[in-house]
PDB file of N, CA and C in Angstrom:
ATOM      1  N   MET A   1      10.973  -2.694  -1.760  1.00  0.00           N
ATOM      2  CA  MET A   1      12.389  -2.947  -1.744  1.00  0.00           C
ATOM      3  C   MET A   1      12.723  -3.894  -2.896  1.00  0.00           C
ATOM      4  N   ASN A   2      13.681  -3.537  -3.692  1.00  0.00           N
ATOM      5  CA  ASN A   2      14.088  -4.362  -4.827  1.00  0.00           C
ATOM      6  C   ASN A   2      15.117  -5.387  -4.386  1.00  0.00           C
ATOM      7  N   ASP A   3      15.020  -6.557  -4.942  1.00  0.00           N
ATOM      8  CA  ASP A   3      15.978  -7.624  -4.662  1.00  0.00           C
ATOM      9  C   ASP A   3      16.938  -7.689  -5.850  1.00  0.00           C
ATOM     10  N   PRO A   4      18.196  -7.310  -5.652  1.00  0.00           N
ATOM     11  CA  PRO A   4      19.141  -7.298  -6.779  1.00  0.00           C
ATOM     12  C   PRO A   4      19.457  -8.691  -7.331  1.00  0.00           C
ATOM     13  N   SER A   5      19.096  -9.751  -6.605  1.00  0.00           N
ATOM     14  CA  SER A   5      19.391 -11.096  -7.099  1.00  0.00           C
ATOM     15  C   SER A   5      18.401 -11.560  -8.158  1.00  0.00           C
ATOM     16  N   ILE A   6      17.312 -10.810  -8.331  1.00  0.00           N
ATOM     17  CA  ILE A   6      16.366 -11.148  -9.408  1.00  0.00           C
ATOM     18  C   ILE A   6      16.381 -10.022 -10.424  1.00  0.00           C
ATOM     19  N   ALA A   7      15.988 -10.338 -11.626  1.00  0.00           N
ATOM     20  CA  ALA A   7      16.096  -9.368 -12.706  1.00  0.00           C
ATOM     21  C   ALA A   7      14.880  -8.438 -12.805  1.00  0.00           C
ATOM     22  N   MET A   8      13.855  -8.651 -11.980  1.00  0.00           N
ATOM     23  CA  MET A   8      12.643  -7.863 -12.092  1.00  0.00           C
ATOM     24  C   MET A   8      12.392  -7.093 -10.793  1.00  0.00           C
ATOM     25  N   PRO A   9      12.211  -5.776 -10.852  1.00  0.00           N
ATOM     26  CA  PRO A   9      11.911  -5.011  -9.648  1.00  0.00           C
ATOM     27  C   PRO A   9      10.580  -5.458  -9.031  1.00  0.00           C
ATOM     28  N   LEU A  10      10.462  -5.347  -7.746  1.00  0.00           N
ATOM     29  CA  LEU A  10       9.287  -5.811  -7.018  1.00  0.00           C
ATOM     30  C   LEU A  10       7.994  -5.128  -7.461  1.00  0.00           C
ATOM     31  N   GLU A  11       8.053  -3.865  -7.850  1.00  0.00           N
ATOM     32  CA  GLU A  11       6.828  -3.145  -8.201  1.00  0.00           C
ATOM     33  C   GLU A  11       6.106  -3.714  -9.424  1.00  0.00           C
ATOM     34  N   TYR A  12       6.735  -4.593 -10.198  1.00  0.00           N
ATOM     35  CA  TYR A  12       6.083  -5.177 -11.362  1.00  0.00           C
ATOM     36  C   TYR A  12       5.206  -6.379 -11.012  1.00  0.00           C
ATOM     37  N   PHE A  13       5.282  -6.842  -9.794  1.00  0.00           N
ATOM     38  CA  PHE A  13       4.456  -7.977  -9.398  1.00  0.00           C
ATOM     39  C   PHE A  13       3.038  -7.495  -9.099  1.00  0.00           C
ATOM     40  N   GLU A  14       2.059  -8.145  -9.697  1.00  0.00           N
ATOM     41  CA  GLU A  14       0.661  -7.835  -9.410  1.00  0.00           C
ATOM     42  C   GLU A  14       0.057  -9.009  -8.666  1.00  0.00           C
ATOM     43  N   ARG A  15      -0.556  -8.707  -7.538  1.00  0.00           N
ATOM     44  CA  ARG A  15      -1.198  -9.746  -6.737  1.00  0.00           C
ATOM     45  C   ARG A  15      -2.408 -10.294  -7.497  1.00  0.00           C
ATOM     46  N   PRO A  16      -2.530 -11.608  -7.583  1.00  0.00           N
ATOM     47  CA  PRO A  16      -3.708 -12.188  -8.248  1.00  0.00           C
ATOM     48  C   PRO A  16      -5.000 -11.779  -7.539  1.00  0.00           C
ATOM     49  N   ALA A  17      -6.076 -11.687  -8.292  1.00  0.00           N
ATOM     50  CA  ALA A  17      -7.374 -11.270  -7.732  1.00  0.00           C
ATOM     51  C   ALA A  17      -7.888 -12.249  -6.680  1.00  0.00           C
ATOM     52  N   THR A  18      -7.409 -13.478  -6.687  1.00  0.00           N
ATOM     53  CA  THR A  18      -7.872 -14.487  -5.731  1.00  0.00           C
ATOM     54  C   THR A  18      -7.050 -14.526  -4.449  1.00  0.00           C
ATOM     55  N   VAL A  19      -6.116 -13.592  -4.306  1.00  0.00           N
ATOM     56  CA  VAL A  19      -5.290 -13.503  -3.103  1.00  0.00           C
ATOM     57  C   VAL A  19      -5.672 -12.225  -2.355  1.00  0.00           C
ATOM     58  N   TYR A  20      -5.943 -12.373  -1.058  1.00  0.00           N
ATOM     59  CA  TYR A  20      -6.406 -11.255  -0.239  1.00  0.00           C
ATOM     60  C   TYR A  20      -5.397 -10.925   0.851  1.00  0.00           C
ATOM     61  N   ALA A  21      -5.261  -9.649   1.167  1.00  0.00           N
ATOM     62  CA  ALA A  21      -4.421  -9.203   2.275  1.00  0.00           C
ATOM     63  C   ALA A  21      -5.318  -8.972   3.482  1.00  0.00           C
ATOM     64  N   ASP A  22      -4.932  -9.530   4.630  1.00  0.00           N
ATOM     65  CA  ASP A  22      -5.696  -9.359   5.866  1.00  0.00           C
ATOM     66  C   ASP A  22      -4.735  -9.177   7.026  1.00  0.00           C
ATOM     67  N   SER A  23      -5.191  -8.465   8.047  1.00  0.00           N
ATOM     68  CA  SER A  23      -4.428  -8.357   9.287  1.00  0.00           C
ATOM     69  C   SER A  23      -4.715  -9.584  10.135  1.00  0.00           C
ATOM     70  N   ILE A  24      -3.656 -10.178  10.660  1.00  0.00           N
ATOM     71  CA  ILE A  24      -3.838 -11.316  11.552  1.00  0.00           C
ATOM     72  C   ILE A  24      -3.301 -10.958  12.935  1.00  0.00           C
ATOM     73  N   CYS A  25      -3.800 -11.655  13.929  1.00  0.00           N
ATOM     74  CA  CYS A  25      -3.305 -11.513  15.290  1.00  0.00           C
ATOM     75  C   CYS A  25      -1.935 -12.181  15.342  1.00  0.00           C
ATOM     76  N   ALA A  26      -0.944 -11.463  15.841  1.00  0.00           N
ATOM     77  CA  ALA A  26       0.406 -12.014  15.903  1.00  0.00           C
ATOM     78  C   ALA A  26       0.490 -13.215  16.847  1.00  0.00           C
ATOM     79  N   MET A  27      -0.396 -13.286  17.834  1.00  0.00           N
ATOM     80  CA  MET A  27      -0.357 -14.376  18.801  1.00  0.00           C
ATOM     81  C   MET A  27      -1.081 -15.634  18.295  1.00  0.00           C
ATOM     82  N   THR A  28      -2.302 -15.472  17.798  1.00  0.00           N
ATOM     83  CA  THR A  28      -3.102 -16.638  17.410  1.00  0.00           C
ATOM     84  C   THR A  28      -2.975 -17.020  15.951  1.00  0.00           C
ATOM     85  N   LYS A  29      -2.458 -16.110  15.131  1.00  0.00           N
ATOM     86  CA  LYS A  29      -2.331 -16.309  13.679  1.00  0.00           C
ATOM     87  C   LYS A  29      -3.687 -16.437  12.991  1.00  0.00           C
ATOM     88  N   LYS A  30      -4.728 -15.895  13.646  1.00  0.00           N
ATOM     89  CA  LYS A  30      -6.064 -15.850  13.060  1.00  0.00           C
ATOM     90  C   LYS A  30      -6.368 -14.407  12.684  1.00  0.00           C
ATOM     91  N   LEU A  31      -7.458 -14.178  11.954  1.00  0.00           N
ATOM     92  CA  LEU A  31      -7.809 -12.828  11.535  1.00  0.00           C
ATOM     93  C   LEU A  31      -7.952 -11.928  12.752  1.00  0.00           C
ATOM     94  N   ALA A  32      -7.337 -10.769  12.693  1.00  0.00           N
ATOM     95  CA  ALA A  32      -7.308  -9.858  13.835  1.00  0.00           C
ATOM     96  C   ALA A  32      -8.667  -9.236  14.110  1.00  0.00           C
ATOM     97  N   THR A  33      -8.934  -9.022  15.385  1.00  0.00           N
ATOM     98  CA  THR A  33     -10.097  -8.253  15.820  1.00  0.00           C
ATOM     99  C   THR A  33      -9.588  -6.853  16.149  1.00  0.00           C
ATOM    100  N   PRO A  34     -10.480  -5.912  16.401  1.00  0.00           N
ATOM    101  CA  PRO A  34     -10.024  -4.573  16.808  1.00  0.00           C
ATOM    102  C   PRO A  34      -9.242  -4.580  18.125  1.00  0.00           C
ATOM    103  N   TYR A  35      -9.310  -5.673  18.889  1.00  0.00           N
ATOM    104  CA  TYR A  35      -8.695  -5.735  20.209  1.00  0.00           C
ATOM    105  C   TYR A  35      -7.350  -6.482  20.236  1.00  0.00           C
ATOM    106  N   CYS A  36      -6.917  -7.010  19.123  1.00  0.00           N
ATOM    107  CA  CYS A  36      -5.630  -7.714  19.087  1.00  0.00           C
ATOM    108  C   CYS A  36      -4.499  -6.694  19.276  1.00  0.00           C
ATOM    109  N   PRO A  37      -3.634  -6.920  20.265  1.00  0.00           N
ATOM    110  CA  PRO A  37      -2.595  -5.926  20.564  1.00  0.00           C
ATOM    111  C   PRO A  37      -1.479  -5.869  19.521  1.00  0.00           C
ATOM    112  N   GLU A  38      -1.193  -6.971  18.862  1.00  0.00           N
ATOM    113  CA  GLU A  38      -0.160  -6.984  17.826  1.00  0.00           C
ATOM    114  C   GLU A  38      -0.726  -7.648  16.586  1.00  0.00           C
ATOM    115  N   ARG A  39      -0.489  -7.003  15.458  1.00  0.00           N
ATOM    116  CA  ARG A  39      -1.020  -7.514  14.188  1.00  0.00           C
ATOM    117  C   ARG A  39       0.086  -7.617  13.157  1.00  0.00           C
ATOM    118  N   ALA A  40      -0.166  -8.434  12.160  1.00  0.00           N
ATOM    119  CA  ALA A  40       0.746  -8.579  11.033  1.00  0.00           C
ATOM    120  C   ALA A  40      -0.091  -8.699   9.768  1.00  0.00           C
ATOM    121  N   LEU A  41       0.455  -8.288   8.668  1.00  0.00           N
ATOM    122  CA  LEU A  41      -0.229  -8.412   7.386  1.00  0.00           C
ATOM    123  C   LEU A  41       0.144  -9.743   6.754  1.00  0.00           C
ATOM    124  N   GLU A  42      -0.856 -10.504   6.355  1.00  0.00           N
ATOM    125  CA  GLU A  42      -0.642 -11.796   5.692  1.00  0.00           C
ATOM    126  C   GLU A  42      -1.534 -11.877   4.463  1.00  0.00           C
ATOM    127  N   TYR A  43      -1.220 -12.792   3.585  1.00  0.00           N
ATOM    128  CA  TYR A  43      -1.973 -12.970   2.347  1.00  0.00           C
ATOM    129  C   TYR A  43      -2.581 -14.361   2.329  1.00  0.00           C
ATOM    130  N   PHE A  44      -3.843 -14.436   1.868  1.00  0.00           N
ATOM    131  CA  PHE A  44      -4.596 -15.697   1.876  1.00  0.00           C
ATOM    132  C   PHE A  44      -5.415 -15.833   0.609  1.00  0.00           C
ATOM    133  N   THR A  45      -5.818 -17.061   0.360  1.00  0.00           N
ATOM    134  CA  THR A  45      -6.860 -17.338  -0.627  1.00  0.00           C
ATOM    135  C   THR A  45      -8.105 -17.709   0.162  1.00  0.00           C
ATOM    136  N   ASP A  46      -9.214 -17.903  -0.530  1.00  0.00           N
ATOM    137  CA  ASP A  46     -10.435 -18.309   0.182  1.00  0.00           C
ATOM    138  C   ASP A  46     -10.230 -19.629   0.927  1.00  0.00           C
ATOM    139  N   LYS A  47      -9.416 -20.503   0.377  1.00  0.00           N
ATOM    140  CA  LYS A  47      -9.185 -21.809   1.001  1.00  0.00           C
ATOM    141  C   LYS A  47      -8.270 -21.750   2.215  1.00  0.00           C
ATOM    142  N   THR A  48      -7.372 -20.752   2.268  1.00  0.00           N
ATOM    143  CA  THR A  48      -6.384 -20.712   3.356  1.00  0.00           C
ATOM    144  C   THR A  48      -6.686 -19.636   4.400  1.00  0.00           C
ATOM    145  N   ARG A  49      -7.733 -18.855   4.213  1.00  0.00           N
ATOM    146  CA  ARG A  49      -8.059 -17.774   5.145  1.00  0.00           C
ATOM    147  C   ARG A  49      -8.510 -18.363   6.479  1.00  0.00           C
ATOM    148  N   PRO A  50      -7.844 -17.944   7.589  1.00  0.00           N
ATOM    149  CA  PRO A  50      -8.203 -18.500   8.895  1.00  0.00           C
ATOM    150  C   PRO A  50      -9.462 -17.846   9.464  1.00  0.00           C
ATOM    151  N   GLY A  51      -9.951 -18.394  10.566  1.00  0.00           N
ATOM    152  CA  GLY A  51     -11.077 -17.806  11.271  1.00  0.00           C
ATOM    153  C   GLY A  51     -10.646 -16.590  12.065  1.00  0.00           C
ATOM    154  N   ARG A  52     -11.596 -15.981  12.747  1.00  0.00           N
ATOM    155  CA  ARG A  52     -11.343 -14.777  13.544  1.00  0.00           C
ATOM    156  C   ARG A  52     -10.687 -15.145  14.867  1.00  0.00           C
ATOM    157  N   CYS A  53      -9.808 -14.293  15.362  1.00  0.00           N
ATOM    158  CA  CYS A  53      -9.126 -14.494  16.648  1.00  0.00           C
ATOM    159  C   CYS A  53     -10.162 -14.704  17.741  1.00  0.00           C
ATOM    160  N   ASP A  54      -9.975 -15.757  18.518  1.00  0.00           N
ATOM    161  CA  ASP A  54     -10.933 -16.066  19.585  1.00  0.00           C
ATOM    162  C   ASP A  54     -10.371 -15.771  20.974  1.00  0.00           C
ATOM    163  N   VAL A  55      -9.215 -15.097  21.045  1.00  0.00           N
ATOM    164  CA  VAL A  55      -8.623 -14.713  22.329  1.00  0.00           C
ATOM    165  C   VAL A  55      -8.911 -13.246  22.629  1.00  0.00           C
ATOM    166  N   HIS A  56      -8.728 -12.395  21.649  1.00  0.00           N
ATOM    167  CA  HIS A  56      -8.886 -10.953  21.827  1.00  0.00           C
ATOM    168  C   HIS A  56     -10.256 -10.533  21.314  1.00  0.00           C
ATOM    169  N   THR A  57     -11.288 -10.877  22.045  1.00  0.00           N
ATOM    170  CA  THR A  57     -12.657 -10.679  21.581  1.00  0.00           C
ATOM    171  C   THR A  57     -13.342  -9.437  22.126  1.00  0.00           C
ATOM    172  N   SER A  58     -12.716  -8.771  23.092  1.00  0.00           N
ATOM    173  CA  SER A  58     -13.305  -7.565  23.671  1.00  0.00           C
ATOM    174  C   SER A  58     -12.199  -6.738  24.315  1.00  0.00           C
ATOM    175  N   PRO A  59     -12.523  -5.517  24.746  1.00  0.00           N
ATOM    176  CA  PRO A  59     -11.511  -4.715  25.431  1.00  0.00           C
ATOM    177  C   PRO A  59     -11.058  -5.355  26.750  1.00  0.00           C
ATOM    178  N   GLU A  60     -11.815  -6.295  27.258  1.00  0.00           N
ATOM    179  CA  GLU A  60     -11.512  -6.947  28.538  1.00  0.00           C
ATOM    180  C   GLU A  60     -10.779  -8.274  28.359  1.00  0.00           C
ATOM    181  N   TRP A  61     -10.133  -8.504  27.204  1.00  0.00           N
ATOM    182  CA  TRP A  61      -9.530  -9.813  26.923  1.00  0.00           C
ATOM    183  C   TRP A  61      -8.443 -10.183  27.915  1.00  0.00           C
ATOM    184  N   LYS A  62      -7.806  -9.223  28.585  1.00  0.00           N
ATOM    185  CA  LYS A  62      -6.750  -9.534  29.534  1.00  0.00           C
ATOM    186  C   LYS A  62      -7.291 -10.047  30.863  1.00  0.00           C
ATOM    187  N   LYS A  63      -8.548  -9.816  31.080  1.00  0.00           N
ATOM    188  CA  LYS A  63      -9.117 -10.207  32.378  1.00  0.00           C
ATOM    189  C   LYS A  63      -9.874 -11.523  32.272  1.00  0.00           C
ATOM    190  N   GLU A  64      -9.715 -12.321  33.258  1.00  0.00           N
ATOM    191  CA  GLU A  64     -10.478 -13.560  33.345  1.00  0.00           C
ATOM    192  C   GLU A  64     -11.036 -13.623  34.758  1.00  0.00           C
ATOM    193  N   THR A  65     -12.314 -13.836  34.877  1.00  0.00           N
ATOM    194  CA  THR A  65     -12.894 -13.899  36.209  1.00  0.00           C
ATOM    195  C   THR A  65     -12.518 -15.223  36.852  1.00  0.00           C
ATOM    196  N   ALA A  66     -11.841 -15.139  37.967  1.00  0.00           N
ATOM    197  CA  ALA A  66     -11.444 -16.336  38.720  1.00  0.00           C
ATOM    198  C   ALA A  66     -12.642 -16.837  39.532  1.00  0.00           C
ATOM    199  N   GLY A  67     -12.545 -18.035  40.010  1.00  0.00           N
ATOM    200  CA  GLY A  67     -13.626 -18.634  40.786  1.00  0.00           C
ATOM    201  C   GLY A  67     -13.963 -17.853  42.043  1.00  0.00           C
ATOM    202  N   ASP A  68     -13.011 -17.105  42.602  1.00  0.00           N
ATOM    203  CA  ASP A  68     -13.264 -16.360  43.832  1.00  0.00           C
ATOM    204  C   ASP A  68     -13.727 -14.932  43.552  1.00  0.00           C
ATOM    205  N   GLY A  69     -13.995 -14.600  42.281  1.00  0.00           N
ATOM    206  CA  GLY A  69     -14.492 -13.283  41.951  1.00  0.00           C
ATOM    207  C   GLY A  69     -13.409 -12.262  41.667  1.00  0.00           C
ATOM    208  N   GLU A  70     -12.147 -12.607  41.827  1.00  0.00           N
ATOM    209  CA  GLU A  70     -11.055 -11.695  41.533  1.00  0.00           C
ATOM    210  C   GLU A  70     -10.680 -11.810  40.059  1.00  0.00           C
ATOM    211  N   ASP A  71     -10.224 -10.711  39.496  1.00  0.00           N
ATOM    212  CA  ASP A  71      -9.726 -10.723  38.129  1.00  0.00           C
ATOM    213  C   ASP A  71      -8.239 -11.029  38.151  1.00  0.00           C
ATOM    214  N   LYS A  72      -7.782 -11.787  37.163  1.00  0.00           N
ATOM    215  CA  LYS A  72      -6.361 -12.023  37.022  1.00  0.00           C
ATOM    216  C   LYS A  72      -5.971 -11.796  35.575  1.00  0.00           C
ATOM    217  N   LEU A  73      -4.752 -11.394  35.331  1.00  0.00           N
ATOM    218  CA  LEU A  73      -4.269 -11.135  33.993  1.00  0.00           C
ATOM    219  C   LEU A  73      -3.849 -12.440  33.319  1.00  0.00           C
ATOM    220  N   LEU A  74      -4.213 -12.543  32.050  1.00  0.00           N
ATOM    221  CA  LEU A  74      -3.765 -13.677  31.242  1.00  0.00           C
ATOM    222  C   LEU A  74      -2.460 -13.309  30.568  1.00  0.00           C
ATOM    223  N   MET A  75      -1.552 -14.204  30.490  1.00  0.00           N
ATOM    224  CA  MET A  75      -0.293 -13.955  29.802  1.00  0.00           C
ATOM    225  C   MET A  75      -0.208 -14.815  28.594  1.00  0.00           C
TER     226      MET A  75
END
């Protein structure tokens, strides 16, 4: 999408080689795992790249074993 308030179309911008695009978890703002339900694309350098999401670590991330052996959903 071009921004008419600037004189240069967006397609002329080249991302620097030291900037990386990664999917992040929308909830934790950390690098997304295959199990994160919502993701967003963000850009980082080596210094600003976050760790991996520690909430959505498996297909069972919604379940937490309660002390009485019952599963409950995490919100």
